[in-house]
Amino acid sequence: MKNLSLGKKLKAIRQSKGLTQDDVVYETEISKATYTRIETDKTSVTIEDLEKIAKVLEVTVIEILTYGSDSVSELEKCRKQLQEKEKELRAKDKEIISLQKKLLAEMEKKLKK
């Protein structure tokens, strides 16, 4: 499904959700004629309308734009890498905090002498 036009992506997502064009236009208040032209790539869509459509389709604008492309798997891979780095940072933070506590304890001992 690579290189789908925006209209084809919207149509595929809409159909996968079991929605009709009427369902989308009712919720977005975009005219049916305009929505049909959007899905058939005969007109462009504003970002505001794209956000409304995304909300009805229960997806993000990014998910629409990357639908059917390998970039979705790339995004997921990046997300997992970030989660791993976050875990590593938390462990490092705990280690640093532990060292700071030890240092403070040592300083308190010296001050009490």
PDB file of N, CA and C in Angstrom:
ATOM      1  N   MET A   1       0.812  -1.199   0.000  1.00  0.00           N
ATOM      2  CA  MET A   1       0.000   0.000   0.000  1.00  0.00           C
ATOM      3  C   MET A   1       0.852   1.259   0.000  1.00  0.00           C
ATOM      4  N   LYS A   2       2.013   1.206  -0.549  1.00  0.00           N
ATOM      5  CA  LYS A   2       2.899   2.364  -0.547  1.00  0.00           C
ATOM      6  C   LYS A   2       2.402   3.429  -1.514  1.00  0.00           C
ATOM      7  N   ASN A   3       2.760   4.673  -1.205  1.00  0.00           N
ATOM      8  CA  ASN A   3       2.483   5.819  -2.061  1.00  0.00           C
ATOM      9  C   ASN A   3       1.006   6.039  -2.344  1.00  0.00           C
ATOM     10  N   LEU A   4       0.160   5.785  -1.370  1.00  0.00           N
ATOM     11  CA  LEU A   4      -1.255   6.091  -1.538  1.00  0.00           C
ATOM     12  C   LEU A   4      -1.446   7.593  -1.436  1.00  0.00           C
ATOM     13  N   SER A   5      -2.379   8.109  -2.211  1.00  0.00           N
ATOM     14  CA  SER A   5      -2.719   9.520  -2.097  1.00  0.00           C
ATOM     15  C   SER A   5      -3.470   9.723  -0.785  1.00  0.00           C
ATOM     16  N   LEU A   6      -3.561  10.966  -0.363  1.00  0.00           N
ATOM     17  CA  LEU A   6      -4.262  11.274   0.882  1.00  0.00           C
ATOM     18  C   LEU A   6      -5.712  10.807   0.813  1.00  0.00           C
ATOM     19  N   GLY A   7      -6.355  11.058  -0.304  1.00  0.00           N
ATOM     20  CA  GLY A   7      -7.748  10.640  -0.459  1.00  0.00           C
ATOM     21  C   GLY A   7      -7.922   9.138  -0.332  1.00  0.00           C
ATOM     22  N   LYS A   8      -7.026   8.396  -0.953  1.00  0.00           N
ATOM     23  CA  LYS A   8      -7.093   6.925  -0.873  1.00  0.00           C
ATOM     24  C   LYS A   8      -6.836   6.441   0.551  1.00  0.00           C
ATOM     25  N   LYS A   9      -5.931   7.117   1.251  1.00  0.00           N
ATOM     26  CA  LYS A   9      -5.664   6.759   2.644  1.00  0.00           C
ATOM     27  C   LYS A   9      -6.905   6.988   3.497  1.00  0.00           C
ATOM     28  N   LEU A  10      -7.537   8.144   3.310  1.00  0.00           N
ATOM     29  CA  LEU A  10      -8.745   8.449   4.076  1.00  0.00           C
ATOM     30  C   LEU A  10      -9.843   7.431   3.805  1.00  0.00           C
ATOM     31  N   LYS A  11     -10.017   7.098   2.543  1.00  0.00           N
ATOM     32  CA  LYS A  11     -11.047   6.130   2.168  1.00  0.00           C
ATOM     33  C   LYS A  11     -10.756   4.759   2.778  1.00  0.00           C
ATOM     34  N   ALA A  12      -9.504   4.329   2.691  1.00  0.00           N
ATOM     35  CA  ALA A  12      -9.130   3.014   3.232  1.00  0.00           C
ATOM     36  C   ALA A  12      -9.329   2.960   4.745  1.00  0.00           C
ATOM     37  N   ILE A  13      -8.926   4.010   5.434  1.00  0.00           N
ATOM     38  CA  ILE A  13      -9.094   4.045   6.890  1.00  0.00           C
ATOM     39  C   ILE A  13     -10.579   4.069   7.239  1.00  0.00           C
ATOM     40  N   ARG A  14     -11.337   4.916   6.543  1.00  0.00           N
ATOM     41  CA  ARG A  14     -12.782   5.013   6.797  1.00  0.00           C
ATOM     42  C   ARG A  14     -13.444   3.658   6.625  1.00  0.00           C
ATOM     43  N   GLN A  15     -13.129   2.987   5.519  1.00  0.00           N
ATOM     44  CA  GLN A  15     -13.731   1.684   5.250  1.00  0.00           C
ATOM     45  C   GLN A  15     -13.293   0.644   6.279  1.00  0.00           C
ATOM     46  N   SER A  16     -12.039   0.718   6.709  1.00  0.00           N
ATOM     47  CA  SER A  16     -11.558  -0.246   7.709  1.00  0.00           C
ATOM     48  C   SER A  16     -12.274  -0.073   9.048  1.00  0.00           C
ATOM     49  N   LYS A  17     -12.786   1.130   9.284  1.00  0.00           N
ATOM     50  CA  LYS A  17     -13.530   1.410  10.515  1.00  0.00           C
ATOM     51  C   LYS A  17     -15.019   1.106  10.357  1.00  0.00           C
ATOM     52  N   GLY A  18     -15.411   0.699   9.144  1.00  0.00           N
ATOM     53  CA  GLY A  18     -16.815   0.383   8.893  1.00  0.00           C
ATOM     54  C   GLY A  18     -17.704   1.614   8.813  1.00  0.00           C
ATOM     55  N   LEU A  19     -17.119   2.743   8.449  1.00  0.00           N
ATOM     56  CA  LEU A  19     -17.874   3.993   8.355  1.00  0.00           C
ATOM     57  C   LEU A  19     -18.189   4.328   6.908  1.00  0.00           C
ATOM     58  N   THR A  20     -19.275   5.049   6.720  1.00  0.00           N
ATOM     59  CA  THR A  20     -19.638   5.535   5.392  1.00  0.00           C
ATOM     60  C   THR A  20     -19.199   6.993   5.276  1.00  0.00           C
ATOM     61  N   GLN A  21     -19.226   7.504   4.054  1.00  0.00           N
ATOM     62  CA  GLN A  21     -18.945   8.928   3.874  1.00  0.00           C
ATOM     63  C   GLN A  21     -19.966   9.752   4.649  1.00  0.00           C
ATOM     64  N   ASP A  22     -21.210   9.292   4.662  1.00  0.00           N
ATOM     65  CA  ASP A  22     -22.254  10.015   5.403  1.00  0.00           C
ATOM     66  C   ASP A  22     -21.919  10.113   6.892  1.00  0.00           C
ATOM     67  N   ASP A  23     -21.363   9.044   7.452  1.00  0.00           N
ATOM     68  CA  ASP A  23     -20.965   9.071   8.867  1.00  0.00           C
ATOM     69  C   ASP A  23     -19.930  10.163   9.107  1.00  0.00           C
ATOM     70  N   VAL A  24     -18.952  10.237   8.220  1.00  0.00           N
ATOM     71  CA  VAL A  24     -17.866  11.206   8.380  1.00  0.00           C
ATOM     72  C   VAL A  24     -18.385  12.630   8.207  1.00  0.00           C
ATOM     73  N   VAL A  25     -19.173  12.866   7.171  1.00  0.00           N
ATOM     74  CA  VAL A  25     -19.640  14.238   6.929  1.00  0.00           C
ATOM     75  C   VAL A  25     -20.599  14.700   8.025  1.00  0.00           C
ATOM     76  N   TYR A  26     -21.360  13.787   8.587  1.00  0.00           N
ATOM     77  CA  TYR A  26     -22.274  14.152   9.672  1.00  0.00           C
ATOM     78  C   TYR A  26     -21.485  14.643  10.883  1.00  0.00           C
ATOM     79  N   GLU A  27     -20.443  13.911  11.233  1.00  0.00           N
ATOM     80  CA  GLU A  27     -19.648  14.252  12.419  1.00  0.00           C
ATOM     81  C   GLU A  27     -18.739  15.460  12.208  1.00  0.00           C
ATOM     82  N   THR A  28     -18.242  15.642  10.986  1.00  0.00           N
ATOM     83  CA  THR A  28     -17.285  16.728  10.725  1.00  0.00           C
ATOM     84  C   THR A  28     -17.947  18.010  10.247  1.00  0.00           C
ATOM     85  N   GLU A  29     -19.190  17.890   9.794  1.00  0.00           N
ATOM     86  CA  GLU A  29     -19.919  19.021   9.207  1.00  0.00           C
ATOM     87  C   GLU A  29     -19.250  19.544   7.938  1.00  0.00           C
ATOM     88  N   ILE A  30     -18.504  18.666   7.267  1.00  0.00           N
ATOM     89  CA  ILE A  30     -17.966  18.961   5.940  1.00  0.00           C
ATOM     90  C   ILE A  30     -19.049  18.518   4.961  1.00  0.00           C
ATOM     91  N   SER A  31     -19.270  19.280   3.898  1.00  0.00           N
ATOM     92  CA  SER A  31     -20.317  18.874   2.956  1.00  0.00           C
ATOM     93  C   SER A  31     -19.939  17.555   2.292  1.00  0.00           C
ATOM     94  N   LYS A  32     -20.958  16.799   1.916  1.00  0.00           N
ATOM     95  CA  LYS A  32     -20.694  15.503   1.291  1.00  0.00           C
ATOM     96  C   LYS A  32     -19.926  15.692  -0.015  1.00  0.00           C
ATOM     97  N   ALA A  33     -20.290  16.711  -0.781  1.00  0.00           N
ATOM     98  CA  ALA A  33     -19.601  16.963  -2.052  1.00  0.00           C
ATOM     99  C   ALA A  33     -18.115  17.234  -1.812  1.00  0.00           C
ATOM    100  N   THR A  34     -17.826  18.042  -0.813  1.00  0.00           N
ATOM    101  CA  THR A  34     -16.427  18.354  -0.496  1.00  0.00           C
ATOM    102  C   THR A  34     -15.695  17.109  -0.029  1.00  0.00           C
ATOM    103  N   TYR A  35     -16.326  16.336   0.858  1.00  0.00           N
ATOM    104  CA  TYR A  35     -15.661  15.140   1.362  1.00  0.00           C
ATOM    105  C   TYR A  35     -15.402  14.140   0.236  1.00  0.00           C
ATOM    106  N   THR A  36     -16.357  13.994  -0.663  1.00  0.00           N
ATOM    107  CA  THR A  36     -16.174  13.091  -1.807  1.00  0.00           C
ATOM    108  C   THR A  36     -14.994  13.556  -2.654  1.00  0.00           C
ATOM    109  N   ARG A  37     -14.893  14.876  -2.878  1.00  0.00           N
ATOM    110  CA  ARG A  37     -13.767  15.414  -3.647  1.00  0.00           C
ATOM    111  C   ARG A  37     -12.441  15.192  -2.920  1.00  0.00           C
ATOM    112  N   ILE A  38     -12.466  15.248  -1.588  1.00  0.00           N
ATOM    113  CA  ILE A  38     -11.242  14.988  -0.815  1.00  0.00           C
ATOM    114  C   ILE A  38     -10.809  13.540  -1.013  1.00  0.00           C
ATOM    115  N   GLU A  39     -11.757  12.607  -0.866  1.00  0.00           N
ATOM    116  CA  GLU A  39     -11.417  11.184  -1.000  1.00  0.00           C
ATOM    117  C   GLU A  39     -11.000  10.808  -2.418  1.00  0.00           C
ATOM    118  N   THR A  40     -11.482  11.552  -3.399  1.00  0.00           N
ATOM    119  CA  THR A  40     -11.112  11.247  -4.788  1.00  0.00           C
ATOM    120  C   THR A  40      -9.967  12.135  -5.271  1.00  0.00           C
ATOM    121  N   ASP A  41      -9.359  12.853  -4.340  1.00  0.00           N
ATOM    122  CA  ASP A  41      -8.203  13.712  -4.632  1.00  0.00           C
ATOM    123  C   ASP A  41      -8.493  14.795  -5.668  1.00  0.00           C
ATOM    124  N   LYS A  42      -9.720  15.260  -5.685  1.00  0.00           N
ATOM    125  CA  LYS A  42     -10.076  16.336  -6.615  1.00  0.00           C
ATOM    126  C   LYS A  42      -9.996  17.702  -5.953  1.00  0.00           C
ATOM    127  N   THR A  43      -9.757  17.707  -4.650  1.00  0.00           N
ATOM    128  CA  THR A  43      -9.552  18.953  -3.923  1.00  0.00           C
ATOM    129  C   THR A  43      -8.628  18.673  -2.752  1.00  0.00           C
ATOM    130  N   SER A  44      -7.990  19.719  -2.288  1.00  0.00           N
ATOM    131  CA  SER A  44      -7.117  19.543  -1.121  1.00  0.00           C
ATOM    132  C   SER A  44      -7.950  19.692   0.147  1.00  0.00           C
ATOM    133  N   VAL A  45      -7.364  19.302   1.247  1.00  0.00           N
ATOM    134  CA  VAL A  45      -8.065  19.367   2.526  1.00  0.00           C
ATOM    135  C   VAL A  45      -7.302  20.314   3.442  1.00  0.00           C
ATOM    136  N   THR A  46      -8.036  21.105   4.200  1.00  0.00           N
ATOM    137  CA  THR A  46      -7.382  21.995   5.160  1.00  0.00           C
ATOM    138  C   THR A  46      -6.931  21.172   6.360  1.00  0.00           C
ATOM    139  N   ILE A  47      -5.974  21.690   7.092  1.00  0.00           N
ATOM    140  CA  ILE A  47      -5.503  20.987   8.282  1.00  0.00           C
ATOM    141  C   ILE A  47      -6.628  20.879   9.303  1.00  0.00           C
ATOM    142  N   GLU A  48      -7.470  21.910   9.369  1.00  0.00           N
ATOM    143  CA  GLU A  48      -8.590  21.877  10.311  1.00  0.00           C
ATOM    144  C   GLU A  48      -9.544  20.736   9.968  1.00  0.00           C
ATOM    145  N   ASP A  49      -9.868  20.609   8.676  1.00  0.00           N
ATOM    146  CA  ASP A  49     -10.758  19.526   8.259  1.00  0.00           C
ATOM    147  C   ASP A  49     -10.094  18.165   8.437  1.00  0.00           C
ATOM    148  N   LEU A  50      -8.795  18.097   8.178  1.00  0.00           N
ATOM    149  CA  LEU A  50      -8.085  16.830   8.355  1.00  0.00           C
ATOM    150  C   LEU A  50      -8.107  16.410   9.827  1.00  0.00           C
ATOM    151  N   GLU A  51      -7.969  17.377  10.726  1.00  0.00           N
ATOM    152  CA  GLU A  51      -8.039  17.075  12.158  1.00  0.00           C
ATOM    153  C   GLU A  51      -9.429  16.586  12.549  1.00  0.00           C
ATOM    154  N   LYS A  52     -10.475  17.203  11.979  1.00  0.00           N
ATOM    155  CA  LYS A  52     -11.849  16.752  12.249  1.00  0.00           C
ATOM    156  C   LYS A  52     -12.058  15.328  11.753  1.00  0.00           C
ATOM    157  N   ILE A  53     -11.572  15.058  10.546  1.00  0.00           N
ATOM    158  CA  ILE A  53     -11.716  13.722   9.951  1.00  0.00           C
ATOM    159  C   ILE A  53     -10.967  12.700  10.801  1.00  0.00           C
ATOM    160  N   ALA A  54      -9.759  13.044  11.214  1.00  0.00           N
ATOM    161  CA  ALA A  54      -8.953  12.139  12.044  1.00  0.00           C
ATOM    162  C   ALA A  54      -9.694  11.793  13.332  1.00  0.00           C
ATOM    163  N   LYS A  55     -10.327  12.792  13.929  1.00  0.00           N
ATOM    164  CA  LYS A  55     -11.069  12.561  15.172  1.00  0.00           C
ATOM    165  C   LYS A  55     -12.203  11.567  14.948  1.00  0.00           C
ATOM    166  N   VAL A  56     -12.945  11.740  13.865  1.00  0.00           N
ATOM    167  CA  VAL A  56     -14.050  10.825  13.551  1.00  0.00           C
ATOM    168  C   VAL A  56     -13.522   9.421  13.279  1.00  0.00           C
ATOM    169  N   LEU A  57     -12.395   9.333  12.582  1.00  0.00           N
ATOM    170  CA  LEU A  57     -11.812   8.031  12.247  1.00  0.00           C
ATOM    171  C   LEU A  57     -11.049   7.419  13.426  1.00  0.00           C
ATOM    172  N   GLU A  58     -10.941   8.188  14.514  1.00  0.00           N
ATOM    173  CA  GLU A  58     -10.241   7.750  15.723  1.00  0.00           C
ATOM    174  C   GLU A  58      -8.778   7.390  15.453  1.00  0.00           C
ATOM    175  N   VAL A  59      -8.125   8.259  14.684  1.00  0.00           N
ATOM    176  CA  VAL A  59      -6.700   8.129  14.399  1.00  0.00           C
ATOM    177  C   VAL A  59      -6.084   9.517  14.507  1.00  0.00           C
ATOM    178  N   THR A  60      -4.763   9.577  14.503  1.00  0.00           N
ATOM    179  CA  THR A  60      -4.093  10.873  14.499  1.00  0.00           C
ATOM    180  C   THR A  60      -3.841  11.300  13.055  1.00  0.00           C
ATOM    181  N   VAL A  61      -3.566  12.568  12.876  1.00  0.00           N
ATOM    182  CA  VAL A  61      -3.225  13.066  11.541  1.00  0.00           C
ATOM    183  C   VAL A  61      -1.968  12.353  11.036  1.00  0.00           C
ATOM    184  N   ILE A  62      -1.010  12.133  11.925  1.00  0.00           N
ATOM    185  CA  ILE A  62       0.219  11.417  11.545  1.00  0.00           C
ATOM    186  C   ILE A  62      -0.112  10.018  11.050  1.00  0.00           C
ATOM    187  N   GLU A  63      -1.032   9.340  11.728  1.00  0.00           N
ATOM    188  CA  GLU A  63      -1.410   7.993  11.297  1.00  0.00           C
ATOM    189  C   GLU A  63      -2.045   8.019   9.908  1.00  0.00           C
ATOM    190  N   ILE A  64      -2.814   9.063   9.629  1.00  0.00           N
ATOM    191  CA  ILE A  64      -3.394   9.190   8.288  1.00  0.00           C
ATOM    192  C   ILE A  64      -2.279   9.384   7.267  1.00  0.00           C
ATOM    193  N   LEU A  65      -1.389  10.323   7.556  1.00  0.00           N
ATOM    194  CA  LEU A  65      -0.335  10.659   6.600  1.00  0.00           C
ATOM    195  C   LEU A  65       0.623   9.506   6.344  1.00  0.00           C
ATOM    196  N   THR A  66       0.832   8.657   7.341  1.00  0.00           N
ATOM    197  CA  THR A  66       1.771   7.549   7.182  1.00  0.00           C
ATOM    198  C   THR A  66       1.075   6.225   6.895  1.00  0.00           C
ATOM    199  N   TYR A  67      -0.233   6.244   6.752  1.00  0.00           N
ATOM    200  CA  TYR A  67      -0.999   5.013   6.533  1.00  0.00           C
ATOM    201  C   TYR A  67      -0.473   4.245   5.316  1.00  0.00           C
ATOM    202  N   GLY A  68      -0.241   2.971   5.523  1.00  0.00           N
ATOM    203  CA  GLY A  68       0.186   2.111   4.427  1.00  0.00           C
ATOM    204  C   GLY A  68       1.645   2.236   4.050  1.00  0.00           C
ATOM    205  N   SER A  69       2.418   2.939   4.858  1.00  0.00           N
ATOM    206  CA  SER A  69       3.834   3.096   4.520  1.00  0.00           C
ATOM    207  C   SER A  69       4.708   2.434   5.570  1.00  0.00           C
ATOM    208  N   ASP A  70       5.945   2.226   5.214  1.00  0.00           N
ATOM    209  CA  ASP A  70       6.897   1.629   6.138  1.00  0.00           C
ATOM    210  C   ASP A  70       7.251   2.576   7.273  1.00  0.00           C
ATOM    211  N   SER A  71       6.930   3.846   7.114  1.00  0.00           N
ATOM    212  CA  SER A  71       7.300   4.802   8.153  1.00  0.00           C
ATOM    213  C   SER A  71       6.563   4.525   9.455  1.00  0.00           C
ATOM    214  N   VAL A  72       5.428   3.837   9.385  1.00  0.00           N
ATOM    215  CA  VAL A  72       4.720   3.480  10.609  1.00  0.00           C
ATOM    216  C   VAL A  72       5.582   2.527  11.427  1.00  0.00           C
ATOM    217  N   SER A  73       6.155   1.525  10.780  1.00  0.00           N
ATOM    218  CA  SER A  73       7.015   0.595  11.509  1.00  0.00           C
ATOM    219  C   SER A  73       8.281   1.296  11.987  1.00  0.00           C
ATOM    220  N   GLU A  74       8.759   2.255  11.225  1.00  0.00           N
ATOM    221  CA  GLU A  74       9.920   3.033  11.651  1.00  0.00           C
ATOM    222  C   GLU A  74       9.588   3.848  12.897  1.00  0.00           C
ATOM    223  N   LEU A  75       8.408   4.438  12.916  1.00  0.00           N
ATOM    224  CA  LEU A  75       7.991   5.209  14.088  1.00  0.00           C
ATOM    225  C   LEU A  75       7.893   4.309  15.313  1.00  0.00           C
ATOM    226  N   GLU A  76       7.344   3.123  15.133  1.00  0.00           N
ATOM    227  CA  GLU A  76       7.219   2.178  16.242  1.00  0.00           C
ATOM    228  C   GLU A  76       8.600   1.768  16.752  1.00  0.00           C
ATOM    229  N   LYS A  77       9.524   1.548  15.835  1.00  0.00           N
ATOM    230  CA  LYS A  77      10.897   1.190  16.212  1.00  0.00           C
ATOM    231  C   LYS A  77      11.531   2.327  17.023  1.00  0.00           C
ATOM    232  N   CYS A  78      11.336   3.554  16.575  1.00  0.00           N
ATOM    233  CA  CYS A  78      11.873   4.716  17.292  1.00  0.00           C
ATOM    234  C   CYS A  78      11.243   4.836  18.675  1.00  0.00           C
ATOM    235  N   ARG A  79       9.945   4.606  18.751  1.00  0.00           N
ATOM    236  CA  ARG A  79       9.238   4.683  20.031  1.00  0.00           C
ATOM    237  C   ARG A  79       9.829   3.672  21.021  1.00  0.00           C
ATOM    238  N   LYS A  80      10.087   2.452  20.556  1.00  0.00           N
ATOM    239  CA  LYS A  80      10.657   1.419  21.424  1.00  0.00           C
ATOM    240  C   LYS A  80      12.069   1.794  21.875  1.00  0.00           C
ATOM    241  N   GLN A  81      12.853   2.353  20.958  1.00  0.00           N
ATOM    242  CA  GLN A  81      14.204   2.777  21.315  1.00  0.00           C
ATOM    243  C   GLN A  81      14.163   3.875  22.374  1.00  0.00           C
ATOM    244  N   LEU A  82      13.230   4.803  22.221  1.00  0.00           N
ATOM    245  CA  LEU A  82      13.094   5.872  23.208  1.00  0.00           C
ATOM    246  C   LEU A  82      12.705   5.324  24.574  1.00  0.00           C
ATOM    247  N   GLN A  83      11.818   4.345  24.586  1.00  0.00           N
ATOM    248  CA  GLN A  83      11.414   3.738  25.855  1.00  0.00           C
ATOM    249  C   GLN A  83      12.599   3.063  26.539  1.00  0.00           C
ATOM    250  N   GLU A  84      13.432   2.387  25.759  1.00  0.00           N
ATOM    251  CA  GLU A  84      14.621   1.741  26.318  1.00  0.00           C
ATOM    252  C   GLU A  84      15.584   2.783  26.890  1.00  0.00           C
ATOM    253  N   LYS A  85      15.785   3.868  26.150  1.00  0.00           N
ATOM    254  CA  LYS A  85      16.677   4.932  26.624  1.00  0.00           C
ATOM    255  C   LYS A  85      16.121   5.556  27.900  1.00  0.00           C
ATOM    256  N   GLU A  86      14.802   5.700  27.951  1.00  0.00           N
ATOM    257  CA  GLU A  86      14.166   6.264  29.135  1.00  0.00           C
ATOM    258  C   GLU A  86      14.422   5.373  30.355  1.00  0.00           C
ATOM    259  N   LYS A  87      14.332   4.065  30.177  1.00  0.00           N
ATOM    260  CA  LYS A  87      14.613   3.130  31.274  1.00  0.00           C
ATOM    261  C   LYS A  87      16.062   3.259  31.727  1.00  0.00           C
ATOM    262  N   GLU A  88      16.970   3.361  30.756  1.00  0.00           N
ATOM    263  CA  GLU A  88      18.387   3.522  31.085  1.00  0.00           C
ATOM    264  C   GLU A  88      18.616   4.803  31.880  1.00  0.00           C
ATOM    265  N   LEU A  89      17.958   5.879  31.450  1.00  0.00           N
ATOM    266  CA  LEU A  89      18.115   7.152  32.147  1.00  0.00           C
ATOM    267  C   LEU A  89      17.587   7.071  33.570  1.00  0.00           C
ATOM    268  N   ARG A  90      16.457   6.412  33.743  1.00  0.00           N
ATOM    269  CA  ARG A  90      15.904   6.269  35.089  1.00  0.00           C
ATOM    270  C   ARG A  90      16.883   5.532  35.992  1.00  0.00           C
ATOM    271  N   ALA A  91      17.492   4.480  35.474  1.00  0.00           N
ATOM    272  CA  ALA A  91      18.474   3.723  36.256  1.00  0.00           C
ATOM    273  C   ALA A  91      19.665   4.610  36.601  1.00  0.00           C
ATOM    274  N   LYS A  92      20.123   5.394  35.638  1.00  0.00           N
ATOM    275  CA  LYS A  92      21.250   6.308  35.878  1.00  0.00           C
ATOM    276  C   LYS A  92      20.861   7.368  36.904  1.00  0.00           C
ATOM    277  N   ASP A  93      19.629   7.899  36.780  1.00  0.00           N
ATOM    278  CA  ASP A  93      19.155   8.898  37.738  1.00  0.00           C
ATOM    279  C   ASP A  93      19.148   8.326  39.152  1.00  0.00           C
ATOM    280  N   LYS A  94      18.675   7.096  39.294  1.00  0.00           N
ATOM    281  CA  LYS A  94      18.649   6.450  40.609  1.00  0.00           C
ATOM    282  C   LYS A  94      20.064   6.307  41.157  1.00  0.00           C
ATOM    283  N   GLU A  95      20.975   5.940  40.282  1.00  0.00           N
ATOM    284  CA  GLU A  95      22.369   5.782  40.692  1.00  0.00           C
ATOM    285  C   GLU A  95      22.949   7.122  41.141  1.00  0.00           C
ATOM    286  N   ILE A  96      22.671   8.171  40.388  1.00  0.00           N
ATOM    287  CA  ILE A  96      23.174   9.509  40.729  1.00  0.00           C
ATOM    288  C   ILE A  96      22.585   9.976  42.054  1.00  0.00           C
ATOM    289  N   ILE A  97      21.296   9.773  42.232  1.00  0.00           N
ATOM    290  CA  ILE A  97      20.637  10.182  43.480  1.00  0.00           C
ATOM    291  C   ILE A  97      21.229   9.425  44.663  1.00  0.00           C
ATOM    292  N   SER A  98      21.470   8.148  44.468  1.00  0.00           N
ATOM    293  CA  SER A  98      22.078   7.338  45.527  1.00  0.00           C
ATOM    294  C   SER A  98      23.459   7.876  45.890  1.00  0.00           C
ATOM    295  N   LEU A  99      24.247   8.200  44.887  1.00  0.00           N
ATOM    296  CA  LEU A  99      25.581   8.760  45.139  1.00  0.00           C
ATOM    297  C   LEU A  99      25.490  10.114  45.838  1.00  0.00           C
ATOM    298  N   GLN A 100      24.510  10.928  45.449  1.00  0.00           N
ATOM    299  CA  GLN A 100      24.333  12.232  46.089  1.00  0.00           C
ATOM    300  C   GLN A 100      23.959  12.064  47.562  1.00  0.00           C
ATOM    301  N   LYS A 101      23.104  11.092  47.851  1.00  0.00           N
ATOM    302  CA  LYS A 101      22.720  10.836  49.241  1.00  0.00           C
ATOM    303  C   LYS A 101      23.929  10.409  50.067  1.00  0.00           C
ATOM    304  N   LYS A 102      24.755   9.540  49.490  1.00  0.00           N
ATOM    305  CA  LYS A 102      25.962   9.092  50.190  1.00  0.00           C
ATOM    306  C   LYS A 102      26.899  10.265  50.452  1.00  0.00           C
ATOM    307  N   LEU A 103      27.045  11.122  49.447  1.00  0.00           N
ATOM    308  CA  LEU A 103      27.907  12.290  49.589  1.00  0.00           C
ATOM    309  C   LEU A 103      27.383  13.212  50.682  1.00  0.00           C
ATOM    310  N   LEU A 104      26.082  13.443  50.706  1.00  0.00           N
ATOM    311  CA  LEU A 104      25.481  14.286  51.741  1.00  0.00           C
ATOM    312  C   LEU A 104      25.681  13.683  53.128  1.00  0.00           C
ATOM    313  N   ALA A 105      25.524  12.372  53.216  1.00  0.00           N
ATOM    314  CA  ALA A 105      25.725  11.695  54.502  1.00  0.00           C
ATOM    315  C   ALA A 105      27.162  11.866  54.974  1.00  0.00           C
ATOM    316  N   GLU A 106      28.112  11.732  54.063  1.00  0.00           N
ATOM    317  CA  GLU A 106      29.526  11.919  54.407  1.00  0.00           C
ATOM    318  C   GLU A 106      29.791  13.353  54.850  1.00  0.00           C
ATOM    319  N   MET A 107      29.182  14.298  54.153  1.00  0.00           N
ATOM    320  CA  MET A 107      29.376  15.706  54.505  1.00  0.00           C
ATOM    321  C   MET A 107      28.783  15.998  55.879  1.00  0.00           C
ATOM    322  N   GLU A 108      27.624  15.412  56.189  1.00  0.00           N
ATOM    323  CA  GLU A 108      27.005  15.604  57.501  1.00  0.00           C
ATOM    324  C   GLU A 108      27.905  15.064  58.607  1.00  0.00           C
ATOM    325  N   LYS A 109      28.497  13.893  58.355  1.00  0.00           N
ATOM    326  CA  LYS A 109      29.397  13.294  59.345  1.00  0.00           C
ATOM    327  C   LYS A 109      30.570  14.224  59.627  1.00  0.00           C
ATOM    328  N   LYS A 110      31.143  14.792  58.571  1.00  0.00           N
ATOM    329  CA  LYS A 110      32.301  15.679  58.732  1.00  0.00           C
ATOM    330  C   LYS A 110      31.916  16.954  59.468  1.00  0.00           C
ATOM    331  N   LEU A 111      30.716  17.465  59.206  1.00  0.00           N
ATOM    332  CA  LEU A 111      30.277  18.695  59.860  1.00  0.00           C
ATOM    333  C   LEU A 111      29.998  18.472  61.342  1.00  0.00           C
ATOM    334  N   LYS A 112      29.574  17.276  61.716  1.00  0.00           N
ATOM    335  CA  LYS A 112      29.259  16.975  63.111  1.00  0.00           C
ATOM    336  C   LYS A 112      30.510  16.781  63.952  1.00  0.00           C
ATOM    337  N   LYS A 113      31.635  16.546  63.329  1.00  0.00           N
ATOM    338  CA  LYS A 113      32.882  16.317  64.074  1.00  0.00           C
ATOM    339  C   LYS A 113      33.474  17.574  64.600  1.00  0.00           C
TER     340      LYS A 113
END
